Amino acid sequence: MTNSNAPNAQAQSKLWFVYIIETSDQRLYTGITTDVQRRFEQHAMGRGAKFFRGRRPVRVCYRESHPDRSSASKREWHIKQLSRRQKQQLIDQPVPSMPTYPE
């Protein structure tokens, strides 16, 4: 039995995200992380992916959550196989709204 307070157990329970960032030259970059905001800031400071050398990240235009790194990596690979048009269709999909409850 694993102690839920153990660092390894906490790391395993973290959500992973697949994200797409639009750059200053209108390219789309796809990656994975446990913290999209932190990763965007790293890209903006020129740290991380070589893709951002010479181009500036403008906005996170898509993200989806996954329960673990493995499923996020598989989805990242799938998205990277898409054409730009297909990625844009993914980005343009409406996000389901949260249900509203009477007060």
PDB file of N, CA and C in Angstrom:
ATOM      1  N   MET A   1       0.851  -1.180   0.000  1.00  0.00           N
ATOM      2  CA  MET A   1       0.000   0.000   0.000  1.00  0.00           C
ATOM      3  C   MET A   1       0.894   1.239   0.000  1.00  0.00           C
ATOM      4  N   THR A   2       0.513   2.214  -0.807  1.00  0.00           N
ATOM      5  CA  THR A   2       1.299   3.428  -0.928  1.00  0.00           C
ATOM      6  C   THR A   2       0.717   4.524  -0.051  1.00  0.00           C
ATOM      7  N   ASN A   3       1.588   5.191   0.676  1.00  0.00           N
ATOM      8  CA  ASN A   3       1.177   6.303   1.505  1.00  0.00           C
ATOM      9  C   ASN A   3       0.817   7.478   0.606  1.00  0.00           C
ATOM     10  N   SER A   4      -0.383   8.018   0.732  1.00  0.00           N
ATOM     11  CA  SER A   4      -0.823   9.110  -0.138  1.00  0.00           C
ATOM     12  C   SER A   4      -0.055  10.403   0.121  1.00  0.00           C
ATOM     13  N   ASN A   5       0.669  10.484   1.248  1.00  0.00           N
ATOM     14  CA  ASN A   5       1.468  11.670   1.534  1.00  0.00           C
ATOM     15  C   ASN A   5       2.874  11.574   0.959  1.00  0.00           C
ATOM     16  N   ALA A   6       3.213  10.429   0.420  1.00  0.00           N
ATOM     17  CA  ALA A   6       4.543  10.252  -0.157  1.00  0.00           C
ATOM     18  C   ALA A   6       4.669  11.105  -1.418  1.00  0.00           C
ATOM     19  N   PRO A   7       5.852  11.702  -1.655  1.00  0.00           N
ATOM     20  CA  PRO A   7       6.041  12.559  -2.829  1.00  0.00           C
ATOM     21  C   PRO A   7       5.693  11.862  -4.137  1.00  0.00           C
ATOM     22  N   ASN A   8       6.029  10.593  -4.278  1.00  0.00           N
ATOM     23  CA  ASN A   8       5.757   9.869  -5.510  1.00  0.00           C
ATOM     24  C   ASN A   8       4.251   9.747  -5.742  1.00  0.00           C
ATOM     25  N   ALA A   9       3.493   9.491  -4.706  1.00  0.00           N
ATOM     26  CA  ALA A   9       2.038   9.369  -4.837  1.00  0.00           C
ATOM     27  C   ALA A   9       1.425  10.710  -5.226  1.00  0.00           C
ATOM     28  N   GLN A  10       1.943  11.804  -4.668  1.00  0.00           N
ATOM     29  CA  GLN A  10       1.431  13.126  -5.014  1.00  0.00           C
ATOM     30  C   GLN A  10       1.737  13.454  -6.463  1.00  0.00           C
ATOM     31  N   ALA A  11       2.912  13.105  -6.931  1.00  0.00           N
ATOM     32  CA  ALA A  11       3.295  13.388  -8.312  1.00  0.00           C
ATOM     33  C   ALA A  11       2.414  12.611  -9.277  1.00  0.00           C
ATOM     34  N   GLN A  12       2.052  11.392  -8.904  1.00  0.00           N
ATOM     35  CA  GLN A  12       1.224  10.582  -9.779  1.00  0.00           C
ATOM     36  C   GLN A  12      -0.198  11.106  -9.869  1.00  0.00           C
ATOM     37  N   SER A  13      -0.672  11.829  -8.865  1.00  0.00           N
ATOM     38  CA  SER A  13      -2.043  12.314  -8.872  1.00  0.00           C
ATOM     39  C   SER A  13      -2.193  13.653  -9.594  1.00  0.00           C
ATOM     40  N   LYS A  14      -1.083  14.268 -10.013  1.00  0.00           N
ATOM     41  CA  LYS A  14      -1.135  15.535 -10.719  1.00  0.00           C
ATOM     42  C   LYS A  14      -1.701  15.361 -12.112  1.00  0.00           C
ATOM     43  N   LEU A  15      -2.518  16.310 -12.528  1.00  0.00           N
ATOM     44  CA  LEU A  15      -3.016  16.298 -13.897  1.00  0.00           C
ATOM     45  C   LEU A  15      -1.917  16.768 -14.844  1.00  0.00           C
ATOM     46  N   TRP A  16      -1.919  16.220 -16.027  1.00  0.00           N
ATOM     47  CA  TRP A  16      -1.034  16.661 -17.097  1.00  0.00           C
ATOM     48  C   TRP A  16      -1.884  17.348 -18.153  1.00  0.00           C
ATOM     49  N   PHE A  17      -1.296  18.311 -18.833  1.00  0.00           N
ATOM     50  CA  PHE A  17      -2.007  19.066 -19.857  1.00  0.00           C
ATOM     51  C   PHE A  17      -1.269  18.987 -21.184  1.00  0.00           C
ATOM     52  N   VAL A  18      -2.038  18.862 -22.251  1.00  0.00           N
ATOM     53  CA  VAL A  18      -1.525  19.048 -23.597  1.00  0.00           C
ATOM     54  C   VAL A  18      -1.953  20.461 -23.961  1.00  0.00           C
ATOM     55  N   TYR A  19      -1.026  21.241 -24.499  1.00  0.00           N
ATOM     56  CA  TYR A  19      -1.352  22.623 -24.824  1.00  0.00           C
ATOM     57  C   TYR A  19      -0.830  22.971 -26.207  1.00  0.00           C
ATOM     58  N   ILE A  20      -1.449  23.989 -26.800  1.00  0.00           N
ATOM     59  CA  ILE A  20      -0.980  24.552 -28.066  1.00  0.00           C
ATOM     60  C   ILE A  20      -0.783  26.034 -27.835  1.00  0.00           C
ATOM     61  N   ILE A  21       0.403  26.514 -28.216  1.00  0.00           N
ATOM     62  CA  ILE A  21       0.730  27.936 -28.117  1.00  0.00           C
ATOM     63  C   ILE A  21       0.863  28.505 -29.521  1.00  0.00           C
ATOM     64  N   GLU A  22       0.238  29.649 -29.730  1.00  0.00           N
ATOM     65  CA  GLU A  22       0.421  30.384 -30.987  1.00  0.00           C
ATOM     66  C   GLU A  22       1.608  31.325 -30.802  1.00  0.00           C
ATOM     67  N   THR A  23       2.471  31.409 -31.809  1.00  0.00           N
ATOM     68  CA  THR A  23       3.669  32.240 -31.723  1.00  0.00           C
ATOM     69  C   THR A  23       3.513  33.531 -32.523  1.00  0.00           C
ATOM     70  N   SER A  24       4.478  34.412 -32.365  1.00  0.00           N
ATOM     71  CA  SER A  24       4.460  35.711 -33.038  1.00  0.00           C
ATOM     72  C   SER A  24       4.478  35.588 -34.557  1.00  0.00           C
ATOM     73  N   ASP A  25       4.962  34.473 -35.088  1.00  0.00           N
ATOM     74  CA  ASP A  25       4.936  34.265 -36.545  1.00  0.00           C
ATOM     75  C   ASP A  25       3.794  33.322 -36.948  1.00  0.00           C
ATOM     76  N   GLN A  26       2.757  33.244 -36.110  1.00  0.00           N
ATOM     77  CA  GLN A  26       1.536  32.477 -36.337  1.00  0.00           C
ATOM     78  C   GLN A  26       1.742  30.964 -36.431  1.00  0.00           C
ATOM     79  N   ARG A  27       2.844  30.459 -35.933  1.00  0.00           N
ATOM     80  CA  ARG A  27       3.035  29.008 -35.878  1.00  0.00           C
ATOM     81  C   ARG A  27       2.350  28.474 -34.629  1.00  0.00           C
ATOM     82  N   LEU A  28       2.113  27.167 -34.628  1.00  0.00           N
ATOM     83  CA  LEU A  28       1.468  26.509 -33.493  1.00  0.00           C
ATOM     84  C   LEU A  28       2.437  25.498 -32.897  1.00  0.00           C
ATOM     85  N   TYR A  29       2.670  25.621 -31.607  1.00  0.00           N
ATOM     86  CA  TYR A  29       3.564  24.712 -30.886  1.00  0.00           C
ATOM     87  C   TYR A  29       2.728  23.866 -29.935  1.00  0.00           C
ATOM     88  N   THR A  30       2.942  22.564 -29.944  1.00  0.00           N
ATOM     89  CA  THR A  30       2.213  21.646 -29.063  1.00  0.00           C
ATOM     90  C   THR A  30       3.176  21.034 -28.053  1.00  0.00           C
ATOM     91  N   GLY A  31       2.772  21.004 -26.789  1.00  0.00           N
ATOM     92  CA  GLY A  31       3.602  20.414 -25.749  1.00  0.00           C
ATOM     93  C   GLY A  31       2.763  19.865 -24.618  1.00  0.00           C
ATOM     94  N   ILE A  32       3.443  19.322 -23.598  1.00  0.00           N
ATOM     95  CA  ILE A  32       2.757  18.820 -22.398  1.00  0.00           C
ATOM     96  C   ILE A  32       3.430  19.400 -21.160  1.00  0.00           C
ATOM     97  N   THR A  33       2.674  19.512 -20.106  1.00  0.00           N
ATOM     98  CA  THR A  33       3.183  20.032 -18.842  1.00  0.00           C
ATOM     99  C   THR A  33       2.173  19.749 -17.732  1.00  0.00           C
ATOM    100  N   THR A  34       2.596  19.964 -16.491  1.00  0.00           N
ATOM    101  CA  THR A  34       1.661  19.898 -15.367  1.00  0.00           C
ATOM    102  C   THR A  34       1.182  21.292 -14.980  1.00  0.00           C
ATOM    103  N   ASP A  35       1.800  22.337 -15.548  1.00  0.00           N
ATOM    104  CA  ASP A  35       1.449  23.720 -15.216  1.00  0.00           C
ATOM    105  C   ASP A  35       1.579  24.571 -16.481  1.00  0.00           C
ATOM    106  N   VAL A  36       0.471  24.820 -17.145  1.00  0.00           N
ATOM    107  CA  VAL A  36       0.488  25.519 -18.440  1.00  0.00           C
ATOM    108  C   VAL A  36       1.026  26.941 -18.304  1.00  0.00           C
ATOM    109  N   GLN A  37       0.595  27.675 -17.279  1.00  0.00           N
ATOM    110  CA  GLN A  37       1.047  29.060 -17.103  1.00  0.00           C
ATOM    111  C   GLN A  37       2.568  29.115 -16.897  1.00  0.00           C
ATOM    112  N   ARG A  38       3.091  28.251 -16.035  1.00  0.00           N
ATOM    113  CA  ARG A  38       4.530  28.218 -15.788  1.00  0.00           C
ATOM    114  C   ARG A  38       5.291  27.906 -17.070  1.00  0.00           C
ATOM    115  N   ARG A  39       4.795  26.937 -17.819  1.00  0.00           N
ATOM    116  CA  ARG A  39       5.475  26.534 -19.051  1.00  0.00           C
ATOM    117  C   ARG A  39       5.442  27.650 -20.088  1.00  0.00           C
ATOM    118  N   PHE A  40       4.307  28.358 -20.195  1.00  0.00           N
ATOM    119  CA  PHE A  40       4.219  29.500 -21.114  1.00  0.00           C
ATOM    120  C   PHE A  40       5.270  30.550 -20.742  1.00  0.00           C
ATOM    121  N   GLU A  41       5.380  30.835 -19.454  1.00  0.00           N
ATOM    122  CA  GLU A  41       6.364  31.821 -18.994  1.00  0.00           C
ATOM    123  C   GLU A  41       7.788  31.361 -19.297  1.00  0.00           C
ATOM    124  N   GLN A  42       8.061  30.069 -19.144  1.00  0.00           N
ATOM    125  CA  GLN A  42       9.386  29.548 -19.490  1.00  0.00           C
ATOM    126  C   GLN A  42       9.669  29.755 -20.975  1.00  0.00           C
ATOM    127  N   HIS A  43       8.688  29.457 -21.815  1.00  0.00           N
ATOM    128  CA  HIS A  43       8.864  29.664 -23.250  1.00  0.00           C
ATOM    129  C   HIS A  43       9.097  31.154 -23.540  1.00  0.00           C
ATOM    130  N   ALA A  44       8.365  32.019 -22.876  1.00  0.00           N
ATOM    131  CA  ALA A  44       8.496  33.465 -23.086  1.00  0.00           C
ATOM    132  C   ALA A  44       9.887  33.965 -22.686  1.00  0.00           C
ATOM    133  N   MET A  45      10.508  33.305 -21.710  1.00  0.00           N
ATOM    134  CA  MET A  45      11.851  33.702 -21.268  1.00  0.00           C
ATOM    135  C   MET A  45      12.945  33.018 -22.083  1.00  0.00           C
ATOM    136  N   GLY A  46      12.534  32.219 -23.087  1.00  0.00           N
ATOM    137  CA  GLY A  46      13.516  31.558 -23.933  1.00  0.00           C
ATOM    138  C   GLY A  46      14.069  30.273 -23.357  1.00  0.00           C
ATOM    139  N   ARG A  47      13.459  29.780 -22.282  1.00  0.00           N
ATOM    140  CA  ARG A  47      13.903  28.518 -21.688  1.00  0.00           C
ATOM    141  C   ARG A  47      13.019  27.391 -22.194  1.00  0.00           C
ATOM    142  N   GLY A  48      13.584  26.213 -22.281  1.00  0.00           N
ATOM    143  CA  GLY A  48      12.795  25.063 -22.715  1.00  0.00           C
ATOM    144  C   GLY A  48      13.017  24.755 -24.179  1.00  0.00           C
ATOM    145  N   ALA A  49      11.943  24.592 -24.908  1.00  0.00           N
ATOM    146  CA  ALA A  49      11.987  24.134 -26.299  1.00  0.00           C
ATOM    147  C   ALA A  49      12.778  25.074 -27.208  1.00  0.00           C
ATOM    148  N   LYS A  50      13.620  24.493 -28.019  1.00  0.00           N
ATOM    149  CA  LYS A  50      14.387  25.261 -29.007  1.00  0.00           C
ATOM    150  C   LYS A  50      13.477  25.944 -30.022  1.00  0.00           C
ATOM    151  N   PHE A  51      12.287  25.425 -30.178  1.00  0.00           N
ATOM    152  CA  PHE A  51      11.302  25.987 -31.103  1.00  0.00           C
ATOM    153  C   PHE A  51      11.116  27.485 -30.873  1.00  0.00           C
ATOM    154  N   PHE A  52      11.232  27.931 -29.622  1.00  0.00           N
ATOM    155  CA  PHE A  52      10.955  29.331 -29.286  1.00  0.00           C
ATOM    156  C   PHE A  52      12.166  30.246 -29.432  1.00  0.00           C
ATOM    157  N   ARG A  53      13.278  29.714 -29.868  1.00  0.00           N
ATOM    158  CA  ARG A  53      14.422  30.590 -30.129  1.00  0.00           C
ATOM    159  C   ARG A  53      14.131  31.357 -31.406  1.00  0.00           C
ATOM    160  N   GLY A  54      14.047  32.667 -31.303  1.00  0.00           N
ATOM    161  CA  GLY A  54      13.753  33.487 -32.469  1.00  0.00           C
ATOM    162  C   GLY A  54      12.270  33.728 -32.702  1.00  0.00           C
ATOM    163  N   ARG A  55      11.410  33.149 -31.895  1.00  0.00           N
ATOM    164  CA  ARG A  55       9.975  33.444 -31.987  1.00  0.00           C
ATOM    165  C   ARG A  55       9.411  33.585 -30.581  1.00  0.00           C
ATOM    166  N   ARG A  56       8.403  34.403 -30.483  1.00  0.00           N
ATOM    167  CA  ARG A  56       7.815  34.726 -29.195  1.00  0.00           C
ATOM    168  C   ARG A  56       6.457  34.039 -29.038  1.00  0.00           C
ATOM    169  N   PRO A  57       6.212  33.394 -27.903  1.00  0.00           N
ATOM    170  CA  PRO A  57       4.875  32.848 -27.669  1.00  0.00           C
ATOM    171  C   PRO A  57       3.888  33.993 -27.430  1.00  0.00           C
ATOM    172  N   VAL A  58       2.732  33.916 -28.058  1.00  0.00           N
ATOM    173  CA  VAL A  58       1.735  34.977 -27.945  1.00  0.00           C
ATOM    174  C   VAL A  58       0.623  34.587 -26.976  1.00  0.00           C
ATOM    175  N   ARG A  59       0.089  33.376 -27.170  1.00  0.00           N
ATOM    176  CA  ARG A  59      -1.022  32.963 -26.308  1.00  0.00           C
ATOM    177  C   ARG A  59      -1.164  31.447 -26.313  1.00  0.00           C
ATOM    178  N   VAL A  60      -1.706  30.948 -25.219  1.00  0.00           N
ATOM    179  CA  VAL A  60      -2.106  29.545 -25.162  1.00  0.00           C
ATOM    180  C   VAL A  60      -3.486  29.510 -25.804  1.00  0.00           C
ATOM    181  N   CYS A  61      -3.587  28.831 -26.930  1.00  0.00           N
ATOM    182  CA  CYS A  61      -4.862  28.832 -27.649  1.00  0.00           C
ATOM    183  C   CYS A  61      -5.639  27.531 -27.480  1.00  0.00           C
ATOM    184  N   TYR A  62      -5.037  26.541 -26.820  1.00  0.00           N
ATOM    185  CA  TYR A  62      -5.730  25.275 -26.601  1.00  0.00           C
ATOM    186  C   TYR A  62      -5.063  24.535 -25.453  1.00  0.00           C
ATOM    187  N   ARG A  63      -5.880  23.844 -24.678  1.00  0.00           N
ATOM    188  CA  ARG A  63      -5.339  22.925 -23.671  1.00  0.00           C
ATOM    189  C   ARG A  63      -6.393  21.905 -23.311  1.00  0.00           C
ATOM    190  N   GLU A  64      -5.920  20.743 -22.941  1.00  0.00           N
ATOM    191  CA  GLU A  64      -6.800  19.691 -22.459  1.00  0.00           C
ATOM    192  C   GLU A  64      -6.072  18.923 -21.371  1.00  0.00           C
ATOM    193  N   SER A  65      -6.821  18.423 -20.408  1.00  0.00           N
ATOM    194  CA  SER A  65      -6.213  17.736 -19.271  1.00  0.00           C
ATOM    195  C   SER A  65      -6.210  16.229 -19.477  1.00  0.00           C
ATOM    196  N   HIS A  66      -5.221  15.594 -18.840  1.00  0.00           N
ATOM    197  CA  HIS A  66      -5.068  14.139 -18.879  1.00  0.00           C
ATOM    198  C   HIS A  66      -4.664  13.659 -17.494  1.00  0.00           C
ATOM    199  N   PRO A  67      -5.044  12.436 -17.138  1.00  0.00           N
ATOM    200  CA  PRO A  67      -4.776  11.948 -15.790  1.00  0.00           C
ATOM    201  C   PRO A  67      -3.312  11.607 -15.521  1.00  0.00           C
ATOM    202  N   ASP A  68      -2.522  11.397 -16.587  1.00  0.00           N
ATOM    203  CA  ASP A  68      -1.125  11.019 -16.375  1.00  0.00           C
ATOM    204  C   ASP A  68      -0.273  11.437 -17.576  1.00  0.00           C
ATOM    205  N   ARG A  69       1.039  11.364 -17.370  1.00  0.00           N
ATOM    206  CA  ARG A  69       1.972  11.789 -18.406  1.00  0.00           C
ATOM    207  C   ARG A  69       1.854  10.932 -19.670  1.00  0.00           C
ATOM    208  N   SER A  70       1.631   9.656 -19.484  1.00  0.00           N
ATOM    209  CA  SER A  70       1.552   8.744 -20.620  1.00  0.00           C
ATOM    210  C   SER A  70       0.424   9.132 -21.576  1.00  0.00           C
ATOM    211  N   SER A  71      -0.763   9.352 -21.036  1.00  0.00           N
ATOM    212  CA  SER A  71      -1.890   9.698 -21.914  1.00  0.00           C
ATOM    213  C   SER A  71      -1.691  11.082 -22.534  1.00  0.00           C
ATOM    214  N   ALA A  72      -1.083  12.014 -21.786  1.00  0.00           N
ATOM    215  CA  ALA A  72      -0.798  13.341 -22.342  1.00  0.00           C
ATOM    216  C   ALA A  72       0.213  13.240 -23.482  1.00  0.00           C
ATOM    217  N   SER A  73       1.230  12.420 -23.310  1.00  0.00           N
ATOM    218  CA  SER A  73       2.250  12.248 -24.356  1.00  0.00           C
ATOM    219  C   SER A  73       1.655  11.624 -25.612  1.00  0.00           C
ATOM    220  N   LYS A  74       0.777  10.654 -25.435  1.00  0.00           N
ATOM    221  CA  LYS A  74       0.134  10.022 -26.592  1.00  0.00           C
ATOM    222  C   LYS A  74      -0.736  11.026 -27.340  1.00  0.00           C
ATOM    223  N   ARG A  75      -1.469  11.831 -26.593  1.00  0.00           N
ATOM    224  CA  ARG A  75      -2.321  12.849 -27.228  1.00  0.00           C
ATOM    225  C   ARG A  75      -1.469  13.913 -27.900  1.00  0.00           C
ATOM    226  N   GLU A  76      -0.367  14.317 -27.276  1.00  0.00           N
ATOM    227  CA  GLU A  76       0.548  15.287 -27.886  1.00  0.00           C
ATOM    228  C   GLU A  76       1.039  14.766 -29.234  1.00  0.00           C
ATOM    229  N   TRP A  77       1.443  13.498 -29.274  1.00  0.00           N
ATOM    230  CA  TRP A  77       1.916  12.906 -30.519  1.00  0.00           C
ATOM    231  C   TRP A  77       0.812  12.962 -31.577  1.00  0.00           C
ATOM    232  N   HIS A  78      -0.408  12.613 -31.167  1.00  0.00           N
ATOM    233  CA  HIS A  78      -1.540  12.625 -32.096  1.00  0.00           C
ATOM    234  C   HIS A  78      -1.763  14.031 -32.663  1.00  0.00           C
ATOM    235  N   ILE A  79      -1.757  15.030 -31.801  1.00  0.00           N
ATOM    236  CA  ILE A  79      -1.976  16.414 -32.253  1.00  0.00           C
ATOM    237  C   ILE A  79      -0.860  16.856 -33.183  1.00  0.00           C
ATOM    238  N   LYS A  80       0.370  16.472 -32.874  1.00  0.00           N
ATOM    239  CA  LYS A  80       1.499  16.863 -33.728  1.00  0.00           C
ATOM    240  C   LYS A  80       1.410  16.251 -35.124  1.00  0.00           C
ATOM    241  N   GLN A  81       0.648  15.184 -35.281  1.00  0.00           N
ATOM    242  CA  GLN A  81       0.469  14.564 -36.597  1.00  0.00           C
ATOM    243  C   GLN A  81      -0.579  15.291 -37.439  1.00  0.00           C
ATOM    244  N   LEU A  82      -1.367  16.148 -36.811  1.00  0.00           N
ATOM    245  CA  LEU A  82      -2.430  16.870 -37.518  1.00  0.00           C
ATOM    246  C   LEU A  82      -1.850  17.959 -38.413  1.00  0.00           C
ATOM    247  N   SER A  83      -2.575  18.274 -39.465  1.00  0.00           N
ATOM    248  CA  SER A  83      -2.209  19.409 -40.314  1.00  0.00           C
ATOM    249  C   SER A  83      -2.545  20.695 -39.557  1.00  0.00           C
ATOM    250  N   ARG A  84      -2.039  21.798 -40.035  1.00  0.00           N
ATOM    251  CA  ARG A  84      -2.352  23.087 -39.406  1.00  0.00           C
ATOM    252  C   ARG A  84      -3.861  23.313 -39.414  1.00  0.00           C
ATOM    253  N   ARG A  85      -4.513  22.999 -40.528  1.00  0.00           N
ATOM    254  CA  ARG A  85      -5.960  23.186 -40.641  1.00  0.00           C
ATOM    255  C   ARG A  85      -6.685  22.355 -39.583  1.00  0.00           C
ATOM    256  N   GLN A  86      -6.261  21.124 -39.390  1.00  0.00           N
ATOM    257  CA  GLN A  86      -6.887  20.262 -38.383  1.00  0.00           C
ATOM    258  C   GLN A  86      -6.638  20.785 -36.970  1.00  0.00           C
ATOM    259  N   LYS A  87      -5.436  21.300 -36.725  1.00  0.00           N
ATOM    260  CA  LYS A  87      -5.145  21.893 -35.410  1.00  0.00           C
ATOM    261  C   LYS A  87      -6.032  23.108 -35.176  1.00  0.00           C
ATOM    262  N   GLN A  88      -6.218  23.915 -36.218  1.00  0.00           N
ATOM    263  CA  GLN A  88      -7.056  25.107 -36.085  1.00  0.00           C
ATOM    264  C   GLN A  88      -8.499  24.710 -35.800  1.00  0.00           C
ATOM    265  N   GLN A  89      -8.977  23.648 -36.412  1.00  0.00           N
ATOM    266  CA  GLN A  89     -10.332  23.157 -36.133  1.00  0.00           C
ATOM    267  C   GLN A  89     -10.448  22.707 -34.677  1.00  0.00           C
ATOM    268  N   LEU A  90      -9.414  22.057 -34.167  1.00  0.00           N
ATOM    269  CA  LEU A  90      -9.392  21.641 -32.769  1.00  0.00           C
ATOM    270  C   LEU A  90      -9.457  22.863 -31.856  1.00  0.00           C
ATOM    271  N   ILE A  91      -8.658  23.868 -32.175  1.00  0.00           N
ATOM    272  CA  ILE A  91      -8.623  25.099 -31.384  1.00  0.00           C
ATOM    273  C   ILE A  91      -9.978  25.815 -31.415  1.00  0.00           C
ATOM    274  N   ASP A  92     -10.622  25.813 -32.570  1.00  0.00           N
ATOM    275  CA  ASP A  92     -11.875  26.551 -32.755  1.00  0.00           C
ATOM    276  C   ASP A  92     -13.105  25.859 -32.177  1.00  0.00           C
ATOM    277  N   GLN A  93     -12.965  24.604 -31.739  1.00  0.00           N
ATOM    278  CA  GLN A  93     -14.111  23.904 -31.168  1.00  0.00           C
ATOM    279  C   GLN A  93     -14.614  24.649 -29.944  1.00  0.00           C
ATOM    280  N   PRO A  94     -15.920  24.786 -29.824  1.00  0.00           N
ATOM    281  CA  PRO A  94     -16.438  25.451 -28.617  1.00  0.00           C
ATOM    282  C   PRO A  94     -16.143  24.609 -27.374  1.00  0.00           C
ATOM    283  N   VAL A  95     -15.804  25.288 -26.316  1.00  0.00           N
ATOM    284  CA  VAL A  95     -15.544  24.622 -25.040  1.00  0.00           C
ATOM    285  C   VAL A  95     -16.884  24.431 -24.352  1.00  0.00           C
ATOM    286  N   PRO A  96     -17.181  23.209 -23.904  1.00  0.00           N
ATOM    287  CA  PRO A  96     -18.467  23.005 -23.213  1.00  0.00           C
ATOM    288  C   PRO A  96     -18.547  23.910 -21.989  1.00  0.00           C
ATOM    289  N   SER A  97     -19.677  24.544 -21.835  1.00  0.00           N
ATOM    290  CA  SER A  97     -19.832  25.448 -20.693  1.00  0.00           C
ATOM    291  C   SER A  97     -20.145  24.654 -19.436  1.00  0.00           C
ATOM    292  N   MET A  98     -19.806  25.240 -18.323  1.00  0.00           N
ATOM    293  CA  MET A  98     -20.089  24.627 -17.039  1.00  0.00           C
ATOM    294  C   MET A  98     -21.577  24.806 -16.746  1.00  0.00           C
ATOM    295  N   PRO A  99     -22.196  23.820 -16.132  1.00  0.00           N
ATOM    296  CA  PRO A  99     -23.620  23.979 -15.799  1.00  0.00           C
ATOM    297  C   PRO A  99     -23.788  25.083 -14.761  1.00  0.00           C
ATOM    298  N   THR A 100     -24.884  25.787 -14.848  1.00  0.00           N
ATOM    299  CA  THR A 100     -25.186  26.812 -13.844  1.00  0.00           C
ATOM    300  C   THR A 100     -26.261  26.277 -12.916  1.00  0.00           C
ATOM    301  N   TYR A 101     -26.141  26.638 -11.682  1.00  0.00           N
ATOM    302  CA  TYR A 101     -27.078  26.159 -10.676  1.00  0.00           C
ATOM    303  C   TYR A 101     -27.770  27.371 -10.044  1.00  0.00           C
ATOM    304  N   PRO A 102     -29.056  27.237  -9.749  1.00  0.00           N
ATOM    305  CA  PRO A 102     -29.753  28.355  -9.097  1.00  0.00           C
ATOM    306  C   PRO A 102     -29.155  28.595  -7.714  1.00  0.00           C
ATOM    307  N   GLU A 103     -29.148  29.857  -7.342  1.00  0.00           N
ATOM    308  CA  GLU A 103     -28.596  30.202  -6.011  1.00  0.00           C
ATOM    309  C   GLU A 103     -29.613  30.039  -4.926  1.00  0.00           C
TER     310      GLU A 103
END
